[in-house]
Amino acid sequence: ARLREHGDDGKHRARLLKDAAEAVHAYFIQRELCGLRKHDAVIREYNIPNAVLARLGAK
Protein backbone atom coordinates (compact mmCIF):
# COMPACT_ATOMS: atom_id res chain seq x y z
CA ALA A 1 0.00 0.00 0.00
CA ARG A 2 2.80 2.42 0.86
CA LEU A 3 4.42 1.73 -2.51
CA ARG A 4 1.23 2.66 -4.38
CA GLU A 5 0.69 5.81 -2.31
CA HIS A 6 4.23 7.00 -2.84
CA GLY A 7 5.29 9.05 -5.83
CA ASP A 8 8.41 8.49 -7.89
CA ASP A 9 11.00 9.76 -5.39
CA GLY A 10 13.98 7.67 -6.50
CA LYS A 11 15.76 6.43 -3.37
CA HIS A 12 12.71 6.30 -1.11
CA ARG A 13 10.66 4.45 -3.74
CA ALA A 14 13.54 2.04 -4.33
CA ARG A 15 13.62 1.27 -0.60
CA LEU A 16 9.84 0.73 -0.51
CA LEU A 17 10.10 -1.55 -3.54
CA LYS A 18 12.88 -3.56 -1.89
CA ASP A 19 10.89 -3.89 1.35
CA ALA A 20 7.75 -4.95 -0.54
CA ALA A 21 9.66 -7.56 -2.55
CA GLU A 22 11.19 -9.00 0.63
CA ALA A 23 7.76 -9.21 2.29
CA VAL A 24 6.16 -10.89 -0.73
CA HIS A 25 9.07 -13.32 -1.03
CA ALA A 26 8.73 -14.31 2.65
CA TYR A 27 4.96 -14.75 2.25
CA PHE A 28 5.37 -16.91 -0.87
CA ILE A 29 7.93 -19.10 0.94
CA GLN A 30 5.52 -19.59 3.86
CA ARG A 31 2.74 -20.56 1.45
CA GLU A 32 5.01 -23.01 -0.36
CA LEU A 33 6.04 -24.63 2.93
CA CYS A 34 2.33 -25.24 3.55
CA GLY A 35 2.00 -26.87 0.12
CA LEU A 36 0.34 -23.87 -1.55
CA ARG A 37 2.31 -23.51 -4.77
CA LYS A 38 0.01 -21.36 -6.91
CA HIS A 39 0.22 -17.66 -6.15
CA ASP A 40 -2.00 -16.23 -8.91
CA ALA A 41 -5.03 -15.67 -6.68
CA VAL A 42 -2.88 -14.08 -3.95
CA ILE A 43 -1.26 -11.73 -6.45
CA ARG A 44 -4.71 -10.63 -7.65
CA GLU A 45 -6.27 -10.44 -4.18
CA TYR A 46 -3.47 -8.32 -2.71
CA ASN A 47 -2.97 -6.44 -6.00
CA ILE A 48 0.80 -6.96 -5.87
CA PRO A 49 2.43 -4.53 -8.33
CA ASN A 50 4.35 -5.90 -11.31
CA ALA A 51 7.43 -3.97 -10.16
CA VAL A 52 7.46 -6.04 -6.96
CA LEU A 53 6.95 -9.31 -8.83
CA ALA A 54 9.76 -8.41 -11.21
CA ARG A 55 12.09 -8.14 -8.22
CA LEU A 56 11.19 -11.74 -7.39
CA GLY A 57 12.01 -12.90 -10.89
CA ALA A 58 8.35 -13.61 -11.71
CA LYS A 59 7.34 -13.65 -15.36
PDB file of N, CA and C in Angstrom:
ATOM      1  N   ALA A   1       0.818  -1.192   0.000  1.00  0.00           N
ATOM      2  CA  ALA A   1       0.000   0.000   0.000  1.00  0.00           C
ATOM      3  C   ALA A   1       0.865   1.260   0.000  1.00  0.00           C
ATOM      4  N   ARG A   2       1.925   1.241   0.810  1.00  0.00           N
ATOM      5  CA  ARG A   2       2.802   2.420   0.856  1.00  0.00           C
ATOM      6  C   ARG A   2       3.469   2.659  -0.493  1.00  0.00           C
ATOM      7  N   LEU A   3       3.775   1.589  -1.203  1.00  0.00           N
ATOM      8  CA  LEU A   3       4.418   1.732  -2.507  1.00  0.00           C
ATOM      9  C   LEU A   3       3.479   2.421  -3.491  1.00  0.00           C
ATOM     10  N   ARG A   4       2.197   2.047  -3.478  1.00  0.00           N
ATOM     11  CA  ARG A   4       1.226   2.663  -4.385  1.00  0.00           C
ATOM     12  C   ARG A   4       0.974   4.124  -4.040  1.00  0.00           C
ATOM     13  N   GLU A   5       0.972   4.439  -2.750  1.00  0.00           N
ATOM     14  CA  GLU A   5       0.694   5.806  -2.307  1.00  0.00           C
ATOM     15  C   GLU A   5       1.863   6.746  -2.560  1.00  0.00           C
ATOM     16  N   HIS A   6       3.025   6.189  -2.706  1.00  0.00           N
ATOM     17  CA  HIS A   6       4.230   6.999  -2.841  1.00  0.00           C
ATOM     18  C   HIS A   6       4.447   7.402  -4.291  1.00  0.00           C
ATOM     19  N   GLY A   7       4.962   8.578  -4.491  1.00  0.00           N
ATOM     20  CA  GLY A   7       5.288   9.055  -5.834  1.00  0.00           C
ATOM     21  C   GLY A   7       6.557   8.402  -6.347  1.00  0.00           C
ATOM     22  N   ASP A   8       7.199   9.034  -7.287  1.00  0.00           N
ATOM     23  CA  ASP A   8       8.414   8.493  -7.889  1.00  0.00           C
ATOM     24  C   ASP A   8       9.630   9.249  -7.357  1.00  0.00           C
ATOM     25  N   ASP A   9       9.950   9.030  -6.079  1.00  0.00           N
ATOM     26  CA  ASP A   9      11.003   9.762  -5.390  1.00  0.00           C
ATOM     27  C   ASP A   9      12.333   9.014  -5.361  1.00  0.00           C
ATOM     28  N   GLY A  10      12.684   8.318  -6.381  1.00  0.00           N
ATOM     29  CA  GLY A  10      13.976   7.667  -6.501  1.00  0.00           C
ATOM     30  C   GLY A  10      14.355   6.762  -5.347  1.00  0.00           C
ATOM     31  N   LYS A  11      15.207   7.258  -4.445  1.00  0.00           N
ATOM     32  CA  LYS A  11      15.761   6.430  -3.368  1.00  0.00           C
ATOM     33  C   LYS A  11      14.687   5.893  -2.426  1.00  0.00           C
ATOM     34  N   HIS A  12      13.749   6.752  -2.041  1.00  0.00           N
ATOM     35  CA  HIS A  12      12.707   6.302  -1.113  1.00  0.00           C
ATOM     36  C   HIS A  12      11.836   5.235  -1.772  1.00  0.00           C
ATOM     37  N   ARG A  13      11.468   5.445  -3.023  1.00  0.00           N
ATOM     38  CA  ARG A  13      10.664   4.451  -3.740  1.00  0.00           C
ATOM     39  C   ARG A  13      11.437   3.146  -3.907  1.00  0.00           C
ATOM     40  N   ALA A  14      12.725   3.247  -4.183  1.00  0.00           N
ATOM     41  CA  ALA A  14      13.545   2.043  -4.329  1.00  0.00           C
ATOM     42  C   ALA A  14      13.556   1.242  -3.029  1.00  0.00           C
ATOM     43  N   ARG A  15      13.627   1.941  -1.906  1.00  0.00           N
ATOM     44  CA  ARG A  15      13.616   1.267  -0.601  1.00  0.00           C
ATOM     45  C   ARG A  15      12.259   0.607  -0.348  1.00  0.00           C
ATOM     46  N   LEU A  16      11.172   1.304  -0.667  1.00  0.00           N
ATOM     47  CA  LEU A  16       9.839   0.725  -0.506  1.00  0.00           C
ATOM     48  C   LEU A  16       9.668  -0.509  -1.393  1.00  0.00           C
ATOM     49  N   LEU A  17      10.183  -0.431  -2.603  1.00  0.00           N
ATOM     50  CA  LEU A  17      10.103  -1.547  -3.543  1.00  0.00           C
ATOM     51  C   LEU A  17      10.881  -2.749  -3.005  1.00  0.00           C
ATOM     52  N   LYS A  18      12.058  -2.492  -2.476  1.00  0.00           N
ATOM     53  CA  LYS A  18      12.876  -3.563  -1.894  1.00  0.00           C
ATOM     54  C   LYS A  18      12.158  -4.199  -0.707  1.00  0.00           C
ATOM     55  N   ASP A  19      11.613  -3.379   0.178  1.00  0.00           N
ATOM     56  CA  ASP A  19      10.891  -3.890   1.350  1.00  0.00           C
ATOM     57  C   ASP A  19       9.674  -4.717   0.934  1.00  0.00           C
ATOM     58  N   ALA A  20       8.938  -4.234  -0.061  1.00  0.00           N
ATOM     59  CA  ALA A  20       7.753  -4.949  -0.539  1.00  0.00           C
ATOM     60  C   ALA A  20       8.143  -6.294  -1.142  1.00  0.00           C
ATOM     61  N   ALA A  21       9.205  -6.313  -1.929  1.00  0.00           N
ATOM     62  CA  ALA A  21       9.660  -7.557  -2.550  1.00  0.00           C
ATOM     63  C   ALA A  21      10.093  -8.568  -1.488  1.00  0.00           C
ATOM     64  N   GLU A  22      10.768  -8.099  -0.453  1.00  0.00           N
ATOM     65  CA  GLU A  22      11.187  -8.997   0.628  1.00  0.00           C
ATOM     66  C   GLU A  22       9.976  -9.573   1.360  1.00  0.00           C
ATOM     67  N   ALA A  23       8.966  -8.747   1.598  1.00  0.00           N
ATOM     68  CA  ALA A  23       7.761  -9.209   2.291  1.00  0.00           C
ATOM     69  C   ALA A  23       7.001 -10.230   1.445  1.00  0.00           C
ATOM     70  N   VAL A  24       6.866  -9.961   0.155  1.00  0.00           N
ATOM     71  CA  VAL A  24       6.160 -10.886  -0.734  1.00  0.00           C
ATOM     72  C   VAL A  24       6.934 -12.199  -0.834  1.00  0.00           C
ATOM     73  N   HIS A  25       8.240 -12.112  -0.953  1.00  0.00           N
ATOM     74  CA  HIS A  25       9.068 -13.317  -1.030  1.00  0.00           C
ATOM     75  C   HIS A  25       8.872 -14.180   0.219  1.00  0.00           C
ATOM     76  N   ALA A  26       8.916 -13.573   1.396  1.00  0.00           N
ATOM     77  CA  ALA A  26       8.729 -14.312   2.646  1.00  0.00           C
ATOM     78  C   ALA A  26       7.340 -14.953   2.692  1.00  0.00           C
ATOM     79  N   TYR A  27       6.327 -14.224   2.247  1.00  0.00           N
ATOM     80  CA  TYR A  27       4.962 -14.752   2.246  1.00  0.00           C
ATOM     81  C   TYR A  27       4.837 -15.937   1.288  1.00  0.00           C
ATOM     82  N   PHE A  28       5.417 -15.815   0.099  1.00  0.00           N
ATOM     83  CA  PHE A  28       5.372 -16.910  -0.868  1.00  0.00           C
ATOM     84  C   PHE A  28       6.077 -18.149  -0.314  1.00  0.00           C
ATOM     85  N   ILE A  29       7.200 -17.967   0.355  1.00  0.00           N
ATOM     86  CA  ILE A  29       7.926 -19.099   0.938  1.00  0.00           C
ATOM     87  C   ILE A  29       7.054 -19.787   1.991  1.00  0.00           C
ATOM     88  N   GLN A  30       6.405 -19.008   2.843  1.00  0.00           N
ATOM     89  CA  GLN A  30       5.518 -19.589   3.859  1.00  0.00           C
ATOM     90  C   GLN A  30       4.401 -20.398   3.211  1.00  0.00           C
ATOM     91  N   ARG A  31       3.814 -19.849   2.152  1.00  0.00           N
ATOM     92  CA  ARG A  31       2.742 -20.558   1.451  1.00  0.00           C
ATOM     93  C   ARG A  31       3.259 -21.865   0.862  1.00  0.00           C
ATOM     94  N   GLU A  32       4.445 -21.813   0.256  1.00  0.00           N
ATOM     95  CA  GLU A  32       5.007 -23.012  -0.364  1.00  0.00           C
ATOM     96  C   GLU A  32       5.322 -24.081   0.678  1.00  0.00           C
ATOM     97  N   LEU A  33       5.777 -23.669   1.854  1.00  0.00           N
ATOM     98  CA  LEU A  33       6.040 -24.627   2.931  1.00  0.00           C
ATOM     99  C   LEU A  33       4.763 -25.321   3.390  1.00  0.00           C
ATOM    100  N   CYS A  34       3.636 -24.659   3.198  1.00  0.00           N
ATOM    101  CA  CYS A  34       2.329 -25.242   3.546  1.00  0.00           C
ATOM    102  C   CYS A  34       1.737 -26.035   2.386  1.00  0.00           C
ATOM    103  N   GLY A  35       2.467 -26.121   1.274  1.00  0.00           N
ATOM    104  CA  GLY A  35       1.996 -26.869   0.120  1.00  0.00           C
ATOM    105  C   GLY A  35       1.186 -26.052  -0.869  1.00  0.00           C
ATOM    106  N   LEU A  36       1.098 -24.751  -0.655  1.00  0.00           N
ATOM    107  CA  LEU A  36       0.337 -23.873  -1.554  1.00  0.00           C
ATOM    108  C   LEU A  36       1.295 -23.289  -2.588  1.00  0.00           C
ATOM    109  N   ARG A  37       1.309 -23.875  -3.757  1.00  0.00           N
ATOM    110  CA  ARG A  37       2.305 -23.510  -4.766  1.00  0.00           C
ATOM    111  C   ARG A  37       1.829 -22.449  -5.763  1.00  0.00           C
ATOM    112  N   LYS A  38       0.539 -22.321  -5.937  1.00  0.00           N
ATOM    113  CA  LYS A  38       0.014 -21.356  -6.914  1.00  0.00           C
ATOM    114  C   LYS A  38      -0.252 -20.025  -6.224  1.00  0.00           C
ATOM    115  N   HIS A  39       0.329 -18.972  -6.773  1.00  0.00           N
ATOM    116  CA  HIS A  39       0.222 -17.656  -6.146  1.00  0.00           C
ATOM    117  C   HIS A  39      -0.657 -16.682  -6.937  1.00  0.00           C
ATOM    118  N   ASP A  40      -1.221 -17.126  -8.042  1.00  0.00           N
ATOM    119  CA  ASP A  40      -1.996 -16.226  -8.909  1.00  0.00           C
ATOM    120  C   ASP A  40      -3.125 -15.511  -8.168  1.00  0.00           C
ATOM    121  N   ALA A  41      -3.896 -16.264  -7.395  1.00  0.00           N
ATOM    122  CA  ALA A  41      -5.026 -15.667  -6.677  1.00  0.00           C
ATOM    123  C   ALA A  41      -4.542 -14.660  -5.633  1.00  0.00           C
ATOM    124  N   VAL A  42      -3.445 -14.975  -4.963  1.00  0.00           N
ATOM    125  CA  VAL A  42      -2.884 -14.077  -3.946  1.00  0.00           C
ATOM    126  C   VAL A  42      -2.404 -12.782  -4.592  1.00  0.00           C
ATOM    127  N   ILE A  43      -1.759 -12.908  -5.737  1.00  0.00           N
ATOM    128  CA  ILE A  43      -1.261 -11.728  -6.454  1.00  0.00           C
ATOM    129  C   ILE A  43      -2.431 -10.819  -6.824  1.00  0.00           C
ATOM    130  N   ARG A  44      -3.524 -11.418  -7.302  1.00  0.00           N
ATOM    131  CA  ARG A  44      -4.714 -10.626  -7.651  1.00  0.00           C
ATOM    132  C   ARG A  44      -5.373 -10.034  -6.414  1.00  0.00           C
ATOM    133  N   GLU A  45      -5.568 -10.867  -5.396  1.00  0.00           N
ATOM    134  CA  GLU A  45      -6.268 -10.438  -4.177  1.00  0.00           C
ATOM    135  C   GLU A  45      -5.554  -9.273  -3.490  1.00  0.00           C
ATOM    136  N   TYR A  46      -4.245  -9.374  -3.379  1.00  0.00           N
ATOM    137  CA  TYR A  46      -3.471  -8.320  -2.712  1.00  0.00           C
ATOM    138  C   TYR A  46      -3.009  -7.237  -3.681  1.00  0.00           C
ATOM    139  N   ASN A  47      -3.317  -7.432  -4.967  1.00  0.00           N
ATOM    140  CA  ASN A  47      -2.968  -6.445  -5.997  1.00  0.00           C
ATOM    141  C   ASN A  47      -1.476  -6.102  -5.935  1.00  0.00           C
ATOM    142  N   ILE A  48      -0.650  -7.137  -5.954  1.00  0.00           N
ATOM    143  CA  ILE A  48       0.799  -6.960  -5.865  1.00  0.00           C
ATOM    144  C   ILE A  48       1.289  -6.352  -7.175  1.00  0.00           C
ATOM    145  N   PRO A  49       1.973  -5.215  -7.108  1.00  0.00           N
ATOM    146  CA  PRO A  49       2.427  -4.535  -8.325  1.00  0.00           C
ATOM    147  C   PRO A  49       3.436  -5.366  -9.127  1.00  0.00           C
ATOM    148  N   ASN A  50       3.411  -5.197 -10.437  1.00  0.00           N
ATOM    149  CA  ASN A  50       4.350  -5.900 -11.309  1.00  0.00           C
ATOM    150  C   ASN A  50       5.798  -5.581 -10.962  1.00  0.00           C
ATOM    151  N   ALA A  51       6.057  -4.357 -10.522  1.00  0.00           N
ATOM    152  CA  ALA A  51       7.430  -3.972 -10.163  1.00  0.00           C
ATOM    153  C   ALA A  51       7.946  -4.822  -9.003  1.00  0.00           C
ATOM    154  N   VAL A  52       7.070  -5.180  -8.086  1.00  0.00           N
ATOM    155  CA  VAL A  52       7.462  -6.038  -6.961  1.00  0.00           C
ATOM    156  C   VAL A  52       7.699  -7.460  -7.462  1.00  0.00           C
ATOM    157  N   LEU A  53       6.803  -7.960  -8.290  1.00  0.00           N
ATOM    158  CA  LEU A  53       6.954  -9.310  -8.826  1.00  0.00           C
ATOM    159  C   LEU A  53       8.214  -9.435  -9.669  1.00  0.00           C
ATOM    160  N   ALA A  54       8.552  -8.392 -10.391  1.00  0.00           N
ATOM    161  CA  ALA A  54       9.764  -8.413 -11.211  1.00  0.00           C
ATOM    162  C   ALA A  54      11.005  -8.576 -10.341  1.00  0.00           C
ATOM    163  N   ARG A  55      10.968  -8.002  -9.157  1.00  0.00           N
ATOM    164  CA  ARG A  55      12.095  -8.141  -8.225  1.00  0.00           C
ATOM    165  C   ARG A  55      12.256  -9.582  -7.762  1.00  0.00           C
ATOM    166  N   LEU A  56      11.153 -10.339  -7.804  1.00  0.00           N
ATOM    167  CA  LEU A  56      11.195 -11.741  -7.390  1.00  0.00           C
ATOM    168  C   LEU A  56      11.626 -12.645  -8.532  1.00  0.00           C
ATOM    169  N   GLY A  57      11.683 -12.095  -9.728  1.00  0.00           N
ATOM    170  CA  GLY A  57      12.014 -12.896 -10.893  1.00  0.00           C
ATOM    171  C   GLY A  57      10.784 -13.514 -11.541  1.00  0.00           C
ATOM    172  N   ALA A  58       9.587 -13.071 -11.139  1.00  0.00           N
ATOM    173  CA  ALA A  58       8.348 -13.609 -11.707  1.00  0.00           C
ATOM    174  C   ALA A  58       8.183 -13.139 -13.142  1.00  0.00           C
ATOM    175  N   LYS A  59       7.563 -14.000 -13.951  1.00  0.00           N
ATOM    176  CA  LYS A  59       7.343 -13.655 -15.357  1.00  0.00           C
ATOM    177  C   LYS A  59       5.880 -13.383 -15.603  1.00  0.00           C
TER     178      LYS A  59
END
